[in-house]
């Protein structure tokens, strides 16, 4: 699960969060509006305190 959560993005166009990795291919655009503008979501690793 940790590896998947590192690939979360927020679409810079419509603002939804999506994962840039699926089981079959790498996704580099928003699944809703097809925009390639995005912001990576900073993820804090769990259990490092």
Protein backbone atom coordinates (compact mmCIF):
# COMPACT_ATOMS: atom_id res chain seq x y z
CA UNK A 1 0.00 0.00 0.00
CA UNK A 2 2.87 2.38 0.75
CA UNK A 3 4.20 2.31 -2.79
CA UNK A 4 0.77 3.05 -4.27
CA UNK A 5 0.16 6.03 -2.00
CA UNK A 6 3.38 7.69 -3.16
CA UNK A 7 1.94 7.98 -6.66
CA UNK A 8 -1.08 10.09 -5.74
CA UNK A 9 -1.59 13.30 -7.67
CA UNK A 10 -4.04 16.18 -7.70
CA UNK A 11 -5.21 17.27 -11.13
CA UNK A 12 -4.20 20.88 -11.77
CA UNK A 13 -7.25 21.38 -13.95
CA UNK A 14 -10.28 19.85 -12.25
CA UNK A 15 -8.78 19.22 -8.80
CA UNK A 16 -9.56 15.54 -8.25
CA UNK A 17 -7.00 13.22 -6.69
CA UNK A 18 -5.94 10.19 -8.68
CA UNK A 19 -3.16 7.62 -8.71
CA UNK A 20 -0.57 7.78 -11.47
CA UNK A 21 -0.11 4.00 -11.42
CA UNK A 22 -2.66 1.34 -12.23
CA UNK A 23 -2.12 -2.40 -12.34
CA UNK A 24 -1.53 -2.45 -16.08
CA UNK A 25 0.01 0.86 -17.07
CA UNK A 26 1.41 4.20 -15.99
CA UNK A 27 -1.16 7.01 -16.08
CA UNK A 28 0.13 10.50 -16.83
CA UNK A 29 -3.14 12.35 -17.25
CA UNK A 30 -6.32 12.94 -15.30
CA UNK A 31 -8.89 10.16 -15.79
CA UNK A 32 -11.74 12.72 -15.74
CA UNK A 33 -10.62 15.70 -17.84
CA UNK A 34 -7.48 14.25 -19.53
CA UNK A 35 -5.33 17.18 -18.33
CA UNK A 36 -1.63 16.52 -17.86
CA UNK A 37 -1.27 19.33 -15.32
CA UNK A 38 -0.98 17.94 -11.82
CA UNK A 39 0.56 18.48 -8.41
CA UNK A 40 2.16 15.59 -6.55
CA UNK A 41 0.69 14.99 -3.09
CA UNK A 42 3.34 14.98 -0.36
CA UNK A 43 2.98 11.77 1.64
CA UNK A 44 4.30 11.34 5.16
CA UNK A 45 5.68 7.88 5.84
CA UNK A 46 3.83 6.10 8.60
CA UNK A 47 5.51 5.02 11.82
CA UNK A 48 8.72 7.02 11.65
CA UNK A 49 8.27 8.77 14.98
